[in-house]
């Protein structure tokens, strides 16, 4: 039996219309063409699909089985067609994001909140890129965008700059180092350094400051949440180095001080790594534009809404 979608649509239309003439109008065809289609389908099935002696026309038990199939299959086909149409028009798609920057979660959520309003049909997900090799996953289409501060030359991958930030030293206002105008690597030799629970190769305080100077802190304490890190710092349980936008509120809190790393400070840049073939997708381009809004400015924008 050769069953086509048009057959299912015909069965459903005749059942809903109660006759061939009205069903033909619904399907934009002629009554004669519809009658031949039903006859051909019955010949294939070897059974009658309609009880023709009744008005309106009623489905036979065999016809009811086809109707149940039509009611199950046709909505799924329509949904798939709508999804394909959305992909073609750029209104839908997938945006699975991996983050190689632990602190970036606090910046990313407001960006995604704005993005969701503009692209409700895009499937968005976040994966902590610290738990797996994010860039190889991007090349293999396991994820669609990687937030990273370490650009590489990779085939088929484009790194789009987002914004610059400054890693800053944070300590309690009563800490001895609070008296200094800037912090030098040697200053951290006797300190407990509170960091996120990631490898030191992913932490600016090591890659940009301590490791080049061959300095090790007295101890390292790993903490998951920024709020807990700041609580421990305020209690003089250690010091930390965090992105300047993470500690924006700390600058106005008398319990803390922030100081630059080195006399001139340190500057890092955040990037969005995307497959070259995807960079021009409308929703991808819009996400990157939103992500380029510096976190402090984004918070101010949200506060005015």
Protein backbone atom coordinates (compact mmCIF):
# COMPACT_ATOMS: atom_id res chain seq x y z
CA UNK A 1 0.00 0.00 0.00
CA UNK A 2 1.51 3.29 -1.15
CA UNK A 3 0.34 5.90 1.37
CA UNK A 4 1.13 9.60 0.85
CA UNK A 5 0.60 12.71 2.97
CA UNK A 6 -2.04 13.89 0.47
CA UNK A 7 -4.04 10.74 1.17
CA UNK A 8 -4.07 11.50 4.89
CA UNK A 9 -5.08 15.09 4.20
CA UNK A 10 -7.92 13.85 1.96
CA UNK A 11 -9.27 11.44 4.59
CA UNK A 12 -9.19 14.17 7.24
CA UNK A 13 -10.81 16.78 4.96
CA UNK A 14 -13.71 14.52 3.89
CA UNK A 15 -14.33 13.52 7.51
CA UNK A 16 -14.40 17.16 8.64
CA UNK A 17 -16.43 18.42 5.63
CA UNK A 18 -18.90 15.52 5.57
CA UNK A 19 -18.79 15.13 1.79
CA UNK A 20 -16.63 15.20 -1.34
CA UNK A 21 -17.78 18.58 -2.66
CA UNK A 22 -16.94 20.59 0.47
CA UNK A 23 -13.72 18.62 1.01
CA UNK A 24 -12.64 19.43 -2.56
CA UNK A 25 -13.11 23.13 -1.81
CA UNK A 26 -10.99 22.82 1.35
CA UNK A 27 -8.19 21.10 -0.57
CA UNK A 28 -8.41 23.40 -3.62
CA UNK A 29 -9.12 20.54 -6.01
CA UNK A 30 -12.11 19.18 -7.95
CA UNK A 31 -14.68 16.74 -6.67
CA UNK A 32 -13.87 14.37 -9.53
CA UNK A 33 -10.13 14.37 -8.73
CA UNK A 34 -10.86 13.75 -5.06
CA UNK A 35 -13.23 10.89 -5.88
CA UNK A 36 -10.59 9.22 -8.08
CA UNK A 37 -8.00 9.61 -5.32
CA UNK A 38 -10.26 7.93 -2.75
CA UNK A 39 -11.13 5.12 -5.18
CA UNK A 40 -7.45 4.51 -5.92
CA UNK A 41 -6.63 4.43 -2.18
CA UNK A 42 -9.45 1.95 -1.52
CA UNK A 43 -8.23 -0.24 -4.36
CA UNK A 44 -4.76 -0.31 -2.79
CA UNK A 45 -6.12 -1.02 0.70
CA UNK A 46 -8.64 -3.60 -0.53
CA UNK A 47 -11.34 -2.21 1.77
CA UNK A 48 -13.87 0.61 1.72
CA UNK A 49 -12.81 3.70 3.60
CA UNK A 50 -16.20 5.48 3.58
CA UNK A 51 -19.81 4.45 4.07
CA UNK A 52 -21.26 6.30 1.05
CA UNK A 53 -24.93 5.60 1.76
CA UNK A 54 -24.99 8.08 4.64
CA UNK A 55 -25.19 11.85 4.70
CA UNK A 56 -22.87 13.27 5.73
CA UNK A 57 -20.35 10.67 4.54
CA UNK A 58 -18.97 8.60 7.38
CA UNK A 59 -15.71 6.77 7.68
CA UNK A 60 -15.72 3.00 7.77
CA UNK A 61 -13.75 1.24 10.56
CA UNK A 62 -10.81 1.03 8.13
CA UNK A 63 -11.21 4.72 7.34
CA UNK A 64 -11.18 5.55 11.06
CA UNK A 65 -7.80 3.89 11.36
CA UNK A 66 -6.46 6.15 8.61
CA UNK A 67 -8.04 9.17 10.29
CA UNK A 68 -6.27 8.41 13.57
CA UNK A 69 -3.00 8.11 11.65
CA UNK A 70 -3.69 11.43 9.89
CA UNK A 71 -4.44 13.19 13.21
CA UNK A 72 -1.14 11.92 14.58
CA UNK A 73 1.14 12.43 11.58
CA UNK A 74 -0.12 15.64 9.95
CA UNK A 75 0.49 17.93 12.98
CA UNK A 76 4.06 16.62 13.21
CA UNK A 77 4.58 17.25 9.50
CA UNK A 78 3.18 20.78 9.87
CA UNK A 79 5.48 21.45 12.82
CA UNK A 80 8.49 20.22 10.84
CA UNK A 81 7.53 22.40 7.88
CA UNK A 82 7.25 25.42 10.19
CA UNK A 83 10.65 24.61 11.70
CA UNK A 84 12.26 24.38 8.25
CA UNK A 85 10.61 27.65 7.24
CA UNK A 86 12.03 29.26 10.36
CA UNK A 87 15.50 27.96 9.58
CA UNK A 88 15.29 29.28 6.02
CA UNK A 89 14.11 32.71 7.18
CA UNK A 90 16.64 32.79 10.02
CA UNK A 91 13.96 33.10 12.72
CA UNK A 92 14.76 29.80 14.42
CA UNK A 93 17.75 27.57 14.99
CA UNK A 94 20.06 26.37 17.73
CA UNK A 95 22.41 28.38 19.93
CA UNK A 96 24.23 26.10 22.34
CA UNK A 97 26.89 28.09 24.17
CA UNK A 98 30.02 26.88 25.94
CA UNK A 99 31.78 29.19 28.40
CA UNK A 100 35.50 29.03 29.12
CA UNK A 101 35.21 31.93 31.57
CA UNK A 102 33.70 30.92 34.93
CA UNK A 103 32.72 34.48 35.91
CA UNK A 104 30.99 34.97 32.55
CA UNK A 105 27.81 33.30 33.76
CA UNK A 106 26.89 36.50 35.62
CA UNK A 107 27.40 38.56 32.47
CA UNK A 108 25.81 36.09 30.06
CA UNK A 109 22.39 35.72 31.72
CA UNK A 110 21.33 39.36 31.11
CA UNK A 111 22.50 39.03 27.50
CA UNK A 112 20.41 35.89 27.03
CA UNK A 113 17.41 37.58 28.63
CA UNK A 114 17.53 40.29 25.97
CA UNK A 115 18.21 37.73 23.22
CA UNK A 116 15.24 35.55 24.22
CA UNK A 117 12.84 38.47 23.73
CA UNK A 118 13.96 38.92 20.12
CA UNK A 119 14.39 35.23 19.18
CA UNK A 120 11.88 33.11 21.13
CA UNK A 121 12.07 30.25 18.59
CA UNK A 122 15.84 29.73 18.91
CA UNK A 123 16.83 26.74 21.07
CA UNK A 124 19.28 28.15 23.65
CA UNK A 125 21.41 26.09 26.02
CA UNK A 126 24.53 26.73 28.10
CA UNK A 127 27.31 24.27 28.78
CA UNK A 128 30.25 25.06 31.07
CA UNK A 129 33.15 24.80 28.64
CA UNK A 130 35.52 24.21 31.53
CA UNK A 131 34.18 20.67 31.82
CA UNK A 132 35.15 19.62 28.27
CA UNK A 133 37.19 20.77 25.26
CA UNK A 134 34.89 23.51 24.03
CA UNK A 135 36.65 24.53 20.82
CA UNK A 136 36.94 20.98 19.39
CA UNK A 137 33.27 20.56 20.27
CA UNK A 138 32.54 23.75 18.32
CA UNK A 139 34.32 22.35 15.25
CA UNK A 140 32.32 19.10 15.55
CA UNK A 141 29.02 21.04 15.93
CA UNK A 142 28.58 19.87 19.52
CA UNK A 143 28.10 23.53 20.48
CA UNK A 144 27.48 26.64 18.38
CA UNK A 145 29.38 29.40 20.18
CA UNK A 146 32.26 29.45 22.67
CA UNK A 147 32.95 32.40 24.97
CA UNK A 148 36.72 32.53 25.43
CA UNK A 149 39.55 34.91 26.25
CA UNK A 150 42.13 32.79 24.42
CA UNK A 151 41.73 33.02 20.62
CA UNK A 152 43.35 30.34 18.47
CA UNK A 153 43.83 29.76 14.77
CA UNK A 154 41.37 26.99 13.96
CA UNK A 155 40.04 25.89 10.59
CA UNK A 156 36.44 26.95 10.07
CA UNK A 157 36.29 28.98 13.29
CA UNK A 158 36.09 32.76 13.60
CA UNK A 159 36.85 34.64 16.83
CA UNK A 160 34.78 37.82 17.08
CA UNK A 161 35.93 40.31 19.75
CA UNK A 162 33.31 41.19 22.36
CA UNK A 163 34.78 43.63 24.90
CA UNK A 164 37.89 44.34 26.98
CA UNK A 165 38.01 43.90 30.73
CA UNK A 166 40.53 44.35 33.52
CA UNK A 167 41.35 41.67 36.11
CA UNK A 168 41.58 43.52 39.45
CA UNK A 169 42.82 42.64 42.91
CA UNK A 170 40.14 42.55 45.62
CA UNK A 171 40.82 42.63 49.35
CA UNK A 172 39.14 43.65 52.58
CA UNK A 173 39.50 47.36 53.38
CA UNK A 174 41.39 46.39 56.54
CA UNK A 175 43.91 44.22 54.66
CA UNK A 176 47.53 45.48 54.70
CA UNK A 177 47.66 45.45 50.87
CA UNK A 178 44.72 47.88 50.79
CA UNK A 179 47.24 50.67 51.45
CA UNK A 180 49.04 50.07 48.15
CA UNK A 181 48.14 51.91 44.95
CA UNK A 182 48.72 48.80 42.84
CA UNK A 183 49.60 45.16 43.45
CA UNK A 184 52.80 43.42 42.41
CA UNK A 185 53.22 39.63 42.03
CA UNK A 186 55.46 39.47 45.09
CA UNK A 187 52.63 40.86 47.22
CA UNK A 188 50.67 37.64 46.80
CA UNK A 189 53.46 35.30 47.90
CA UNK A 190 52.20 35.13 51.49
CA UNK A 191 48.47 35.34 50.73
CA UNK A 192 45.61 32.87 50.52
CA UNK A 193 44.28 33.36 46.99
CA UNK A 194 40.58 32.63 46.56
CA UNK A 195 39.73 31.52 43.00
CA UNK A 196 37.02 29.80 41.02
CA UNK A 197 37.35 25.97 40.91
CA UNK A 198 39.10 25.80 37.54
CA UNK A 199 42.60 25.00 36.32
CA UNK A 200 45.08 27.83 36.82
CA UNK A 201 45.68 27.97 33.07
CA UNK A 202 42.14 29.42 32.84
CA UNK A 203 42.69 32.07 35.54
CA UNK A 204 43.99 35.54 34.63
CA UNK A 205 45.72 35.98 37.99
CA UNK A 206 48.08 33.15 37.03
CA UNK A 207 48.38 33.51 33.25
CA UNK A 208 48.77 37.30 33.27
CA UNK A 209 50.40 37.95 36.65
CA UNK A 210 51.84 35.25 38.88
CA UNK A 211 53.14 32.58 36.48
CA UNK A 212 55.26 35.01 34.36
CA UNK A 213 56.80 36.29 37.63
CA UNK A 214 57.30 32.72 38.93
CA UNK A 215 55.40 33.55 42.12
CA UNK A 216 53.18 31.14 44.08
CA UNK A 217 50.64 32.25 46.69
CA UNK A 218 50.86 30.73 50.16
CA UNK A 219 47.58 28.87 49.61
CA UNK A 220 44.75 28.55 47.08
CA UNK A 221 41.13 28.22 48.11
CA UNK A 222 38.61 27.36 45.40
CA UNK A 223 35.05 28.67 45.64
CA UNK A 224 32.21 28.24 43.15
CA UNK A 225 30.18 31.43 43.66
CA UNK A 226 31.34 35.03 43.25
CA UNK A 227 29.17 36.16 46.18
CA UNK A 228 30.89 33.64 48.47
CA UNK A 229 34.34 34.72 47.24
CA UNK A 230 33.51 38.33 48.15
CA UNK A 231 32.13 37.26 51.52
CA UNK A 232 35.38 35.45 52.35
CA UNK A 233 37.45 38.40 51.15
CA UNK A 234 35.47 40.82 53.34
CA UNK A 235 36.10 38.48 56.30
CA UNK A 236 39.87 38.62 55.63
CA UNK A 237 39.97 34.90 54.80
CA UNK A 238 41.96 35.64 51.67
CA UNK A 239 42.25 37.87 48.60
CA UNK A 240 40.99 37.46 45.05
CA UNK A 241 41.47 38.63 41.47
CA UNK A 242 38.23 39.08 39.52
CA UNK A 243 37.10 40.79 36.30
CA UNK A 244 36.36 44.48 36.93
CA UNK A 245 32.74 44.11 35.81
CA UNK A 246 32.14 41.35 38.38
CA UNK A 247 33.16 43.63 41.25
CA UNK A 248 31.52 46.83 39.98
CA UNK A 249 29.39 47.12 43.15
CA UNK A 250 32.38 46.41 45.39
CA UNK A 251 33.97 49.70 44.32
CA UNK A 252 31.26 51.52 46.27
CA UNK A 253 31.36 49.23 49.31
CA UNK A 254 33.56 50.38 52.20
CA UNK A 255 34.24 46.74 53.17
CA UNK A 256 36.43 46.21 50.10
CA UNK A 257 39.18 47.78 48.04
CA UNK A 258 40.09 47.02 44.43
CA UNK A 259 43.53 47.63 43.01
CA UNK A 260 45.11 47.18 39.55
CA UNK A 261 47.53 44.34 38.87
CA UNK A 262 50.80 46.14 38.27
CA UNK A 263 51.33 49.86 37.86
CA UNK A 264 49.59 49.96 34.46
CA UNK A 265 46.98 47.31 35.21
CA UNK A 266 46.15 44.35 32.98
CA UNK A 267 43.73 44.24 30.06
CA UNK A 268 42.12 41.14 28.59
CA UNK A 269 39.66 40.70 25.73
CA UNK A 270 36.69 38.37 25.56
CA UNK A 271 35.79 36.66 22.25
CA UNK A 272 32.89 34.75 20.76
CA UNK A 273 34.16 31.78 18.74
CA UNK A 274 31.68 30.74 16.04
CA UNK A 275 31.81 28.46 13.00
CA UNK A 276 32.48 30.59 9.92
CA UNK A 277 29.40 29.19 8.16
CA UNK A 278 27.16 30.34 11.04
CA UNK A 279 28.48 33.84 11.64
CA UNK A 280 25.99 35.47 9.23
CA UNK A 281 22.90 33.78 10.64
CA UNK A 282 20.59 36.61 11.75
CA UNK A 283 20.12 35.35 15.30
CA UNK A 284 23.84 34.63 15.70
CA UNK A 285 24.79 38.11 14.50
CA UNK A 286 22.25 39.64 16.89
CA UNK A 287 23.56 37.62 19.84
CA UNK A 288 27.10 38.80 19.17
CA UNK A 289 25.91 42.42 18.96
CA UNK A 290 24.20 42.03 22.32
CA UNK A 291 27.23 40.30 23.81
CA UNK A 292 29.44 43.21 22.77
CA UNK A 293 27.59 45.43 25.22
CA UNK A 294 29.94 45.77 28.15
CA UNK A 295 28.45 44.18 31.29
CA UNK A 296 28.30 47.44 33.25
CA UNK A 297 26.44 49.19 30.41
CA UNK A 298 24.09 46.21 30.06
CA UNK A 299 23.18 46.39 33.74
CA UNK A 300 22.46 50.10 33.43
CA UNK A 301 20.29 49.43 30.37
CA UNK A 302 18.26 46.84 32.27
CA UNK A 303 17.84 49.20 35.21
CA UNK A 304 16.14 51.77 32.97
CA UNK A 305 13.64 49.31 31.46
